[in-house]
Amino acid sequence: MLMSDPIESISPEQVRAIDQFAQSAEAFCALLEQADSDISAAEFTKRCASALLTLYRDALALPAANDLPDFEEPVGEKPNPPKSIHDQVYNRFASRGLDRYSEYFDPFDADSSVTFSVSMDLVETYVDVYRGLSLYRQGGRQNILQAAWKWQFNFMHHWGPNHSGLLPVLFKIISRDENN
């Protein structure tokens, strides 16, 4: 999308990285939007893991937030996805008793366990990516660079770190499904 609008401040490789991330973000969002489709729970879990890995890989190629113009968060309503997306994703995992998982911040202290939610981690990633996509889809240099900044910032400070715990959990679920 940016190729027709030359941007002096970032390289052609960075422009391609932004466009590639947008494609991965579209695929990830489409997957979660179809959480109530007819695919099996096991297949949905595999697709989530694959989409997250692709999203993660493409986020690593985004220009650093420091290389992009700073943006003030606009005042007013932020675009939010329908609540039904959370409910659908939650049902995919909770119906099998697999929505909650624990992580230990200190592996030597059993009391340092914190509980997380597979569905909430997925949906929070969706929200971060969705908000950037709404800007990207509007087109124009300012919107696209702001989307890239949001994606990079949220990746580094929110959903990227969350995936360090979520991906092994998804793998365990996939492994259980394969062995049953």
C-alpha atoms as a PDB file:
ATOM      1  CA  MET A   1       0.000   0.000   0.000  1.00  0.00           C
ATOM      2  CA  LEU A   2       2.843   2.424   0.774  1.00  0.00           C
ATOM      3  CA  MET A   3       4.744   1.769  -2.448  1.00  0.00           C
ATOM      4  CA  SER A   4       2.644   4.327  -4.344  1.00  0.00           C
ATOM      5  CA  ASP A   5       3.301   6.946  -1.659  1.00  0.00           C
ATOM      6  CA  PRO A   6       7.067   7.465  -1.362  1.00  0.00           C
ATOM      7  CA  ILE A   7       8.268   7.983   2.176  1.00  0.00           C
ATOM      8  CA  GLU A   8      11.635   9.582   2.615  1.00  0.00           C
ATOM      9  CA  SER A   9      12.086   8.693   6.280  1.00  0.00           C
ATOM     10  CA  ILE A  10      12.044   4.896   5.911  1.00  0.00           C
ATOM     11  CA  SER A  11      13.658   2.495   3.474  1.00  0.00           C
ATOM     12  CA  PRO A  12      11.879   0.411   0.821  1.00  0.00           C
ATOM     13  CA  GLU A  13      12.636  -2.690   2.943  1.00  0.00           C
ATOM     14  CA  GLN A  14      10.853  -1.100   5.897  1.00  0.00           C
ATOM     15  CA  VAL A  15       7.899  -0.218   3.665  1.00  0.00           C
ATOM     16  CA  ARG A  16       7.701  -3.868   2.565  1.00  0.00           C
ATOM     17  CA  ALA A  17       7.945  -4.967   6.204  1.00  0.00           C
ATOM     18  CA  ILE A  18       4.987  -2.754   7.133  1.00  0.00           C
ATOM     19  CA  ASP A  19       2.945  -4.103   4.222  1.00  0.00           C
ATOM     20  CA  GLN A  20       3.911  -7.700   5.111  1.00  0.00           C
ATOM     21  CA  PHE A  21       2.900  -7.192   8.720  1.00  0.00           C
ATOM     22  CA  ALA A  22      -0.437  -5.761   7.585  1.00  0.00           C
ATOM     23  CA  GLN A  23      -1.072  -8.940   5.547  1.00  0.00           C
ATOM     24  CA  SER A  24      -0.217 -11.136   8.535  1.00  0.00           C
ATOM     25  CA  ALA A  25      -2.385  -8.972  10.785  1.00  0.00           C
ATOM     26  CA  GLU A  26      -5.322  -9.323   8.373  1.00  0.00           C
ATOM     27  CA  ALA A  27      -4.925 -13.119   8.403  1.00  0.00           C
ATOM     28  CA  PHE A  28      -4.676 -13.267  12.208  1.00  0.00           C
ATOM     29  CA  CYS A  29      -7.740 -11.071  12.682  1.00  0.00           C
ATOM     30  CA  ALA A  30      -9.726 -13.063  10.102  1.00  0.00           C
ATOM     31  CA  LEU A  31      -8.877 -16.280  11.952  1.00  0.00           C
ATOM     32  CA  LEU A  32     -10.150 -14.975  15.279  1.00  0.00           C
ATOM     33  CA  GLU A  33     -13.226 -13.466  13.624  1.00  0.00           C
ATOM     34  CA  GLN A  34     -14.075 -16.964  12.405  1.00  0.00           C
ATOM     35  CA  ALA A  35     -13.488 -18.695  15.756  1.00  0.00           C
ATOM     36  CA  ASP A  36     -17.003 -20.101  15.691  1.00  0.00           C
ATOM     37  CA  SER A  37     -16.591 -21.691  12.262  1.00  0.00           C
ATOM     38  CA  ASP A  38     -16.890 -25.398  11.597  1.00  0.00           C
ATOM     39  CA  ILE A  39     -13.168 -26.186  11.890  1.00  0.00           C
ATOM     40  CA  SER A  40     -12.281 -28.478  14.764  1.00  0.00           C
ATOM     41  CA  ALA A  41     -10.926 -27.088  18.025  1.00  0.00           C
ATOM     42  CA  ALA A  42      -7.633 -28.863  17.333  1.00  0.00           C
ATOM     43  CA  GLU A  43      -7.340 -27.270  13.885  1.00  0.00           C
ATOM     44  CA  PHE A  44      -8.266 -23.853  15.276  1.00  0.00           C
ATOM     45  CA  THR A  45      -5.496 -24.162  17.872  1.00  0.00           C
ATOM     46  CA  LYS A  46      -2.950 -25.098  15.189  1.00  0.00           C
ATOM     47  CA  ARG A  47      -4.024 -22.165  13.054  1.00  0.00           C
ATOM     48  CA  CYS A  48      -3.745 -19.803  16.043  1.00  0.00           C
ATOM     49  CA  ALA A  49      -0.202 -20.986  16.778  1.00  0.00           C
ATOM     50  CA  SER A  50       0.790 -20.651  13.123  1.00  0.00           C
ATOM     51  CA  ALA A  51      -0.773 -17.203  12.764  1.00  0.00           C
ATOM     52  CA  LEU A  52       0.912 -16.007  15.977  1.00  0.00           C
ATOM     53  CA  LEU A  53       4.298 -17.228  14.804  1.00  0.00           C
ATOM     54  CA  THR A  54       3.848 -15.438  11.476  1.00  0.00           C
ATOM     55  CA  LEU A  55       2.684 -12.280  13.216  1.00  0.00           C
ATOM     56  CA  TYR A  56       5.652 -12.453  15.602  1.00  0.00           C
ATOM     57  CA  ARG A  57       8.118 -13.002  12.746  1.00  0.00           C
ATOM     58  CA  ASP A  58       6.712 -10.078  10.767  1.00  0.00           C
ATOM     59  CA  ALA A  59       6.612  -7.810  13.828  1.00  0.00           C
ATOM     60  CA  LEU A  60      10.343  -8.383  14.290  1.00  0.00           C
ATOM     61  CA  ALA A  61      10.886  -6.926  10.801  1.00  0.00           C
ATOM     62  CA  LEU A  62       8.864  -3.743  11.447  1.00  0.00           C
ATOM     63  CA  PRO A  63      10.829  -0.502  11.693  1.00  0.00           C
ATOM     64  CA  ALA A  64      11.757   0.295  15.281  1.00  0.00           C
ATOM     65  CA  ALA A  65       9.352   2.722  16.941  1.00  0.00           C
ATOM     66  CA  ASN A  66      12.310   5.120  17.326  1.00  0.00           C
ATOM     67  CA  ASP A  67      12.674   5.156  13.511  1.00  0.00           C
ATOM     68  CA  LEU A  68       9.067   6.240  13.051  1.00  0.00           C
ATOM     69  CA  PRO A  69       7.514   9.621  13.804  1.00  0.00           C
ATOM     70  CA  ASP A  70       6.058   9.950  17.295  1.00  0.00           C
ATOM     71  CA  PHE A  71       2.302   9.995  17.428  1.00  0.00           C
ATOM     72  CA  GLU A  72      -0.077  11.288  20.011  1.00  0.00           C
ATOM     73  CA  GLU A  73      -2.902   8.911  20.818  1.00  0.00           C
ATOM     74  CA  PRO A  74      -6.017  10.474  19.283  1.00  0.00           C
ATOM     75  CA  VAL A  75      -8.624  11.646  21.743  1.00  0.00           C
ATOM     76  CA  GLY A  76     -11.946   9.881  21.493  1.00  0.00           C
ATOM     77  CA  GLU A  77     -13.121   6.394  20.779  1.00  0.00           C
ATOM     78  CA  LYS A  78     -10.681   3.736  19.695  1.00  0.00           C
ATOM     79  CA  PRO A  79     -11.936   1.185  17.216  1.00  0.00           C
ATOM     80  CA  ASN A  80     -12.815  -1.951  19.113  1.00  0.00           C
ATOM     81  CA  PRO A  81     -13.753  -5.338  17.759  1.00  0.00           C
ATOM     82  CA  PRO A  82     -17.097  -6.869  18.661  1.00  0.00           C
ATOM     83  CA  LYS A  83     -17.255  -8.530  22.094  1.00  0.00           C
ATOM     84  CA  SER A  84     -18.478 -11.685  20.383  1.00  0.00           C
ATOM     85  CA  ILE A  85     -14.917 -12.355  19.202  1.00  0.00           C
ATOM     86  CA  HIS A  86     -13.734 -12.837  22.782  1.00  0.00           C
ATOM     87  CA  ASP A  87     -16.703 -15.064  23.566  1.00  0.00           C
ATOM     88  CA  GLN A  88     -16.078 -17.228  20.492  1.00  0.00           C
ATOM     89  CA  VAL A  89     -12.348 -17.619  21.158  1.00  0.00           C
ATOM     90  CA  TYR A  90     -12.983 -18.239  24.856  1.00  0.00           C
ATOM     91  CA  ASN A  91     -15.491 -20.986  24.048  1.00  0.00           C
ATOM     92  CA  ARG A  92     -12.961 -22.721  21.792  1.00  0.00           C
ATOM     93  CA  PHE A  93     -10.596 -23.257  24.713  1.00  0.00           C
ATOM     94  CA  ALA A  94     -12.810 -23.146  27.812  1.00  0.00           C
ATOM     95  CA  SER A  95     -15.156 -25.821  26.474  1.00  0.00           C
ATOM     96  CA  ARG A  96     -12.184 -28.199  26.666  1.00  0.00           C
ATOM     97  CA  GLY A  97     -10.955 -26.882  30.015  1.00  0.00           C
ATOM     98  CA  LEU A  98      -7.878 -25.389  28.347  1.00  0.00           C
ATOM     99  CA  ASP A  99      -8.300 -21.615  28.659  1.00  0.00           C
ATOM    100  CA  ARG A 100      -6.304 -21.043  31.866  1.00  0.00           C
ATOM    101  CA  TYR A 101      -2.578 -21.565  32.238  1.00  0.00           C
ATOM    102  CA  SER A 102       0.042 -20.651  34.806  1.00  0.00           C
ATOM    103  CA  GLU A 103       3.476 -19.171  34.517  1.00  0.00           C
ATOM    104  CA  TYR A 104       6.131 -18.903  37.191  1.00  0.00           C
ATOM    105  CA  PHE A 105       8.079 -15.677  37.455  1.00  0.00           C
ATOM    106  CA  ASP A 106      10.559 -17.347  39.760  1.00  0.00           C
ATOM    107  CA  PRO A 107      10.923 -21.039  38.874  1.00  0.00           C
ATOM    108  CA  PHE A 108      12.325 -21.690  42.358  1.00  0.00           C
ATOM    109  CA  ASP A 109       9.323 -20.174  44.146  1.00  0.00           C
ATOM    110  CA  ALA A 110       6.081 -22.122  43.790  1.00  0.00           C
ATOM    111  CA  ASP A 111       4.185 -19.093  45.112  1.00  0.00           C
ATOM    112  CA  SER A 112       5.226 -16.955  42.144  1.00  0.00           C
ATOM    113  CA  SER A 113       2.662 -18.588  39.862  1.00  0.00           C
ATOM    114  CA  VAL A 114       0.391 -16.271  37.886  1.00  0.00           C
ATOM    115  CA  THR A 115      -2.651 -17.457  35.945  1.00  0.00           C
ATOM    116  CA  PHE A 116      -3.328 -16.296  32.393  1.00  0.00           C
ATOM    117  CA  SER A 117      -6.034 -16.915  29.811  1.00  0.00           C
ATOM    118  CA  VAL A 118      -5.336 -18.303  26.324  1.00  0.00           C
ATOM    119  CA  SER A 119      -8.405 -16.564  24.916  1.00  0.00           C
ATOM    120  CA  MET A 120      -7.593 -13.242  26.585  1.00  0.00           C
ATOM    121  CA  ASP A 121      -4.000 -13.322  25.291  1.00  0.00           C
ATOM    122  CA  LEU A 122      -5.250 -14.006  21.771  1.00  0.00           C
ATOM    123  CA  VAL A 123      -7.963 -11.354  21.924  1.00  0.00           C
ATOM    124  CA  GLU A 124      -5.668  -8.705  23.416  1.00  0.00           C
ATOM    125  CA  THR A 125      -3.268  -9.324  20.542  1.00  0.00           C
ATOM    126  CA  TYR A 126      -6.219  -9.071  18.174  1.00  0.00           C
ATOM    127  CA  VAL A 127      -7.229  -5.695  19.661  1.00  0.00           C
ATOM    128  CA  ASP A 128      -3.691  -4.270  19.335  1.00  0.00           C
ATOM    129  CA  VAL A 129      -3.373  -5.491  15.754  1.00  0.00           C
ATOM    130  CA  TYR A 130      -6.952  -4.530  14.818  1.00  0.00           C
ATOM    131  CA  ARG A 131      -6.496  -0.923  15.944  1.00  0.00           C
ATOM    132  CA  GLY A 132      -3.397  -0.570  13.779  1.00  0.00           C
ATOM    133  CA  LEU A 133      -5.197  -2.211  10.862  1.00  0.00           C
ATOM    134  CA  SER A 134      -8.019   0.303  11.067  1.00  0.00           C
ATOM    135  CA  LEU A 135      -5.437   3.063  10.513  1.00  0.00           C
ATOM    136  CA  TYR A 136      -3.560   1.128   7.830  1.00  0.00           C
ATOM    137  CA  ARG A 137      -6.784   0.485   5.883  1.00  0.00           C
ATOM    138  CA  GLN A 138      -7.501   4.227   5.759  1.00  0.00           C
ATOM    139  CA  GLY A 139      -4.326   4.640   3.746  1.00  0.00           C
ATOM    140  CA  GLY A 140      -2.194   7.746   3.531  1.00  0.00           C
ATOM    141  CA  ARG A 141       1.306   8.261   4.826  1.00  0.00           C
ATOM    142  CA  GLN A 142       0.333   9.521   8.284  1.00  0.00           C
ATOM    143  CA  ASN A 143      -2.138   6.699   9.006  1.00  0.00           C
ATOM    144  CA  ILE A 144       0.149   3.950   7.770  1.00  0.00           C
ATOM    145  CA  LEU A 145       3.156   5.203   9.720  1.00  0.00           C
ATOM    146  CA  GLN A 146       0.977   5.575  12.805  1.00  0.00           C
ATOM    147  CA  ALA A 147      -0.257   1.995  12.335  1.00  0.00           C
ATOM    148  CA  ALA A 148       3.349   0.774  12.065  1.00  0.00           C
ATOM    149  CA  TRP A 149       4.288   2.702  15.202  1.00  0.00           C
ATOM    150  CA  LYS A 150       1.329   1.214  17.133  1.00  0.00           C
ATOM    151  CA  TRP A 151       2.142  -2.297  15.923  1.00  0.00           C
ATOM    152  CA  GLN A 152       5.804  -2.007  16.879  1.00  0.00           C
ATOM    153  CA  PHE A 153       5.119  -0.370  20.237  1.00  0.00           C
ATOM    154  CA  ASN A 154       2.419  -2.876  21.227  1.00  0.00           C
ATOM    155  CA  PHE A 155       4.543  -5.772  20.033  1.00  0.00           C
ATOM    156  CA  MET A 156       7.507  -4.691  22.150  1.00  0.00           C
ATOM    157  CA  HIS A 157       5.494  -3.748  25.229  1.00  0.00           C
ATOM    158  CA  HIS A 158       2.364  -5.887  25.241  1.00  0.00           C
ATOM    159  CA  TRP A 159       1.567  -8.856  23.048  1.00  0.00           C
ATOM    160  CA  GLY A 160       5.129  -9.782  22.084  1.00  0.00           C
ATOM    161  CA  PRO A 161       6.130 -10.553  25.676  1.00  0.00           C
ATOM    162  CA  ASN A 162       2.785 -12.333  26.244  1.00  0.00           C
ATOM    163  CA  HIS A 163       3.599 -14.774  23.456  1.00  0.00           C
ATOM    164  CA  SER A 164       6.619 -16.037  25.336  1.00  0.00           C
ATOM    165  CA  GLY A 165       4.150 -17.809  27.622  1.00  0.00           C
ATOM    166  CA  LEU A 166       1.293 -18.395  25.205  1.00  0.00           C
ATOM    167  CA  LEU A 167       3.114 -20.216  22.403  1.00  0.00           C
ATOM    168  CA  PRO A 168       4.338 -23.103  24.591  1.00  0.00           C
ATOM    169  CA  VAL A 169       0.791 -23.449  25.945  1.00  0.00           C
ATOM    170  CA  LEU A 170      -0.642 -23.665  22.435  1.00  0.00           C
ATOM    171  CA  PHE A 171       2.011 -26.250  21.614  1.00  0.00           C
ATOM    172  CA  LYS A 172       0.980 -28.315  24.647  1.00  0.00           C
ATOM    173  CA  ILE A 173      -2.660 -28.148  23.555  1.00  0.00           C
ATOM    174  CA  ILE A 174      -1.695 -29.218  20.027  1.00  0.00           C
ATOM    175  CA  SER A 175       0.400 -32.050  21.449  1.00  0.00           C
ATOM    176  CA  ARG A 176      -2.526 -33.229  23.597  1.00  0.00           C
ATOM    177  CA  ASP A 177      -4.823 -33.127  20.584  1.00  0.00           C
ATOM    178  CA  GLU A 178      -2.374 -35.120  18.485  1.00  0.00           C
ATOM    179  CA  ASN A 179      -1.919 -37.762  21.175  1.00  0.00           C
ATOM    180  CA  ASN A 180      -5.633 -38.261  21.846  1.00  0.00           C
END
